[in-house]
Protein backbone atom coordinates (compact mmCIF):
# COMPACT_ATOMS: atom_id res chain seq x y z
CA UNK A 1 4.11 14.69 47.46
CA UNK A 2 1.09 15.28 45.24
CA UNK A 3 3.08 17.25 42.72
CA UNK A 4 5.72 14.48 42.49
CA UNK A 5 2.96 11.89 41.88
CA UNK A 6 1.36 14.04 39.15
CA UNK A 7 4.73 14.61 37.54
CA UNK A 8 5.43 10.86 37.64
CA UNK A 9 2.03 10.08 36.00
CA UNK A 10 2.58 12.73 33.28
CA UNK A 11 6.11 11.46 32.68
CA UNK A 12 4.99 7.84 32.50
CA UNK A 13 2.26 8.72 30.01
CA UNK A 14 4.82 10.67 27.95
CA UNK A 15 7.33 7.87 28.01
CA UNK A 16 5.08 4.79 27.73
CA UNK A 17 1.86 5.75 25.93
CA UNK A 18 1.15 9.12 24.28
CA UNK A 19 3.75 9.37 21.52
CA UNK A 20 3.18 5.83 20.38
CA UNK A 21 -0.60 6.27 20.43
CA UNK A 22 -0.37 9.51 18.41
CA UNK A 23 1.91 7.89 15.80
CA UNK A 24 -0.28 4.74 15.68
CA UNK A 25 -3.45 6.75 15.17
CA UNK A 26 -1.79 8.84 12.50
CA UNK A 27 -0.59 5.76 10.62
CA UNK A 28 -3.75 3.72 11.09
CA UNK A 29 -6.67 6.27 11.36
CA UNK A 30 -9.17 3.54 10.45
CA UNK A 31 -8.61 1.50 13.63
CA UNK A 32 -11.64 1.76 15.94
CA UNK A 33 -12.17 0.07 19.31
CA UNK A 34 -15.81 -0.82 18.57
CA UNK A 35 -17.81 -3.67 17.30
CA UNK A 36 -17.00 -7.38 17.15
CA UNK A 37 -13.23 -6.95 17.00
CA UNK A 38 -13.03 -4.22 19.65
CA UNK A 39 -10.96 -6.28 22.12
CA UNK A 40 -8.49 -7.39 19.46
CA UNK A 41 -8.13 -3.82 18.14
CA UNK A 42 -7.72 -2.40 21.69
CA UNK A 43 -4.92 -4.92 22.40
CA UNK A 44 -3.21 -4.17 19.09
CA UNK A 45 -3.44 -0.45 19.63
CA UNK A 46 -2.18 -0.63 23.22
CA UNK A 47 0.66 -2.88 22.34
CA UNK A 48 1.70 -0.78 19.31
CA UNK A 49 1.38 2.40 21.36
CA UNK A 50 3.62 1.00 24.14
CA UNK A 51 6.27 -0.34 21.72
CA UNK A 52 6.32 2.87 19.61
CA UNK A 53 6.47 5.05 22.69
CA UNK A 54 9.44 3.27 24.20
CA UNK A 55 11.14 3.21 20.78
CA UNK A 56 10.61 6.89 20.32
CA UNK A 57 11.84 7.61 23.83
CA UNK A 58 15.06 5.68 23.17
CA UNK A 59 15.59 7.38 19.84
CA UNK A 60 14.89 10.93 21.14
CA UNK A 61 17.14 10.24 24.14
CA UNK A 62 19.90 9.03 21.81
CA UNK A 63 19.59 12.10 19.60
CA UNK A 64 19.59 14.36 22.63
CA UNK A 65 22.50 12.60 24.14
CA UNK A 66 24.56 12.98 20.98
CA UNK A 67 23.38 16.52 20.11
CA UNK A 68 24.16 18.05 23.53
CA UNK A 69 27.88 18.90 23.94
CA UNK A 70 27.89 17.95 27.68
CA UNK A 71 25.21 15.27 27.37
CA UNK A 72 21.81 15.59 28.96
CA UNK A 73 19.97 14.36 31.96
CA UNK A 74 16.32 13.43 31.80
CA UNK A 75 15.07 15.56 34.77
CA UNK A 76 12.20 17.93 35.10
CA UNK A 77 14.75 20.75 35.53
CA UNK A 78 15.99 19.82 32.02
CA UNK A 79 12.81 18.84 30.23
CA UNK A 80 14.26 18.39 26.75
CA UNK A 81 13.15 14.79 26.53
CA UNK A 82 9.70 15.55 27.76
CA UNK A 83 9.29 18.47 25.45
CA UNK A 84 10.49 16.42 22.49
CA UNK A 85 8.07 13.60 23.22
CA UNK A 86 5.20 16.07 23.79
CA UNK A 87 6.04 17.64 20.43
CA UNK A 88 6.03 14.26 18.69
CA UNK A 89 2.71 13.51 20.39
CA UNK A 90 1.19 16.82 19.22
CA UNK A 91 2.37 16.38 15.67
CA UNK A 92 1.15 12.79 15.61
CA UNK A 93 -2.31 13.71 17.02
CA UNK A 94 -2.57 16.64 14.49
CA UNK A 95 -1.78 14.24 11.62
CA UNK A 96 -4.23 11.70 13.00
CA UNK A 97 -6.95 14.36 13.22
CA UNK A 98 -6.30 15.52 9.65
CA UNK A 99 -6.43 11.91 8.43
CA UNK A 100 -9.86 11.46 10.15
CA UNK A 101 -8.82 9.21 13.04
CA UNK A 102 -11.14 10.90 15.43
CA UNK A 103 -14.07 11.53 13.03
CA UNK A 104 -17.45 9.90 13.70
CA UNK A 105 -17.09 7.73 10.58
CA UNK A 106 -13.64 6.22 10.19
CA UNK A 107 -11.86 6.52 6.91
CA UNK A 108 -11.75 3.32 4.88
CA UNK A 109 -8.74 1.17 5.16
CA UNK A 110 -6.37 1.27 2.22
CA UNK A 111 -6.57 -1.67 -0.17
CA UNK A 112 -3.24 -2.89 -1.36
CA UNK A 113 -2.82 -2.82 -5.09
CA UNK A 114 -2.76 -6.27 -6.64
CA UNK A 115 0.56 -7.15 -8.09
CA UNK A 116 0.42 -8.33 -11.68
CA UNK A 117 1.26 -12.03 -11.62
CA UNK A 118 0.93 -12.37 -7.92
CA UNK A 119 -2.64 -13.68 -7.95
CA UNK A 120 -3.26 -17.18 -8.90
CA UNK A 121 0.39 -18.23 -8.97
CA UNK A 122 -0.02 -20.81 -6.23
CA UNK A 123 -3.19 -22.21 -7.76
CA UNK A 124 -1.63 -22.36 -11.21
CA UNK A 125 1.36 -24.22 -9.74
CA UNK A 126 -0.81 -26.69 -7.91
CA UNK A 127 -2.88 -27.31 -11.03
CA UNK A 128 0.29 -27.81 -13.10
CA UNK A 129 1.55 -30.34 -10.51
CA UNK A 130 -1.71 -32.15 -10.60
CA UNK A 131 -1.75 -32.28 -14.42
CA UNK A 132 1.86 -33.56 -14.44
CA UNK A 133 0.89 -36.32 -11.98
CA UNK A 134 -2.06 -37.28 -14.16
CA UNK A 135 0.15 -37.34 -17.26
CA UNK A 136 2.70 -39.64 -15.55
CA UNK A 137 -0.12 -41.97 -14.49
CA UNK A 138 -1.56 -42.11 -17.93
CA UNK A 139 1.89 -42.77 -19.50
CA UNK A 140 2.45 -45.59 -16.94
CA UNK A 141 -0.95 -47.03 -17.89
CA UNK A 142 -0.01 -46.99 -21.58
CA UNK A 143 2.95 -49.31 -20.84
CA UNK A 144 0.62 -51.92 -19.41
CA UNK A 145 -1.93 -52.31 -22.11
CA UNK A 146 -1.61 -53.58 -25.66
CA UNK A 147 -1.09 -50.83 -28.31
CA UNK A 148 -4.07 -50.14 -30.64
CA UNK A 149 -6.73 -51.40 -28.21
CA UNK A 150 -9.81 -49.46 -27.32
CA UNK A 151 -8.31 -48.89 -23.86
CA UNK A 152 -5.13 -47.58 -25.51
CA UNK A 153 -7.14 -45.01 -27.58
CA UNK A 154 -9.13 -43.93 -24.56
CA UNK A 155 -5.98 -43.35 -22.46
CA UNK A 156 -4.24 -41.50 -25.29
CA UNK A 157 -7.30 -39.22 -25.65
CA UNK A 158 -7.14 -38.53 -21.90
CA UNK A 159 -3.37 -37.88 -22.15
CA UNK A 160 -3.95 -35.41 -24.99
CA UNK A 161 -6.57 -33.57 -22.94
CA UNK A 162 -4.29 -33.37 -19.96
CA UNK A 163 -1.46 -32.08 -22.10
CA UNK A 164 -3.73 -29.52 -23.72
CA UNK A 165 -4.91 -28.28 -20.38
CA UNK A 166 -1.39 -28.07 -19.05
CA UNK A 167 -0.35 -26.04 -22.05
CA UNK A 168 -3.37 -23.73 -21.47
CA UNK A 169 -2.63 -23.22 -17.85
CA UNK A 170 1.07 -22.52 -18.59
CA UNK A 171 0.20 -20.04 -21.38
CA UNK A 172 -2.42 -18.28 -19.21
CA UNK A 173 0.14 -17.90 -16.37
CA UNK A 174 2.84 -16.64 -18.69
CA UNK A 175 0.39 -14.09 -20.21
CA UNK A 176 -0.51 -12.96 -16.68
CA UNK A 177 3.10 -12.47 -15.76
CA UNK A 178 3.90 -10.69 -19.03
CA UNK A 179 1.42 -7.97 -18.61
């Protein structure tokens, strides 16, 4: 009875936890369950470990089922699935160790490279929309006042400034996208 319970626990860990944990730590060696975000990181790591473990179990089972000429049965008398999952776990833990996942000081998280033209696009578009709205308002104001008046000159000066700024924002954005 005790042997069956131990085998069930080991099998459960191999199917539901260890391979996914090993792969997750090898992919994200900087994740630590410490500090202010410890609970969130623990939940993320546990969830990712469970999902990856089940996924790996299904994939390994599918490969074993198609590779074996007479099929295979997941029993302890035929431990192909367990050995495969244990091998994946060992490789994942070795890669995680080499990447510094278990070191005292975690490796720094990778910083994604900034894509040329990806920064400021939204802000530039919002600014261009705002300038276009201002220009429409100024043009509408010009239709309501007598031409040649002081108010007409003031609005035309504002309109010219808005158009100049819109051209500058457009040129800056085009230059950013070009190189």
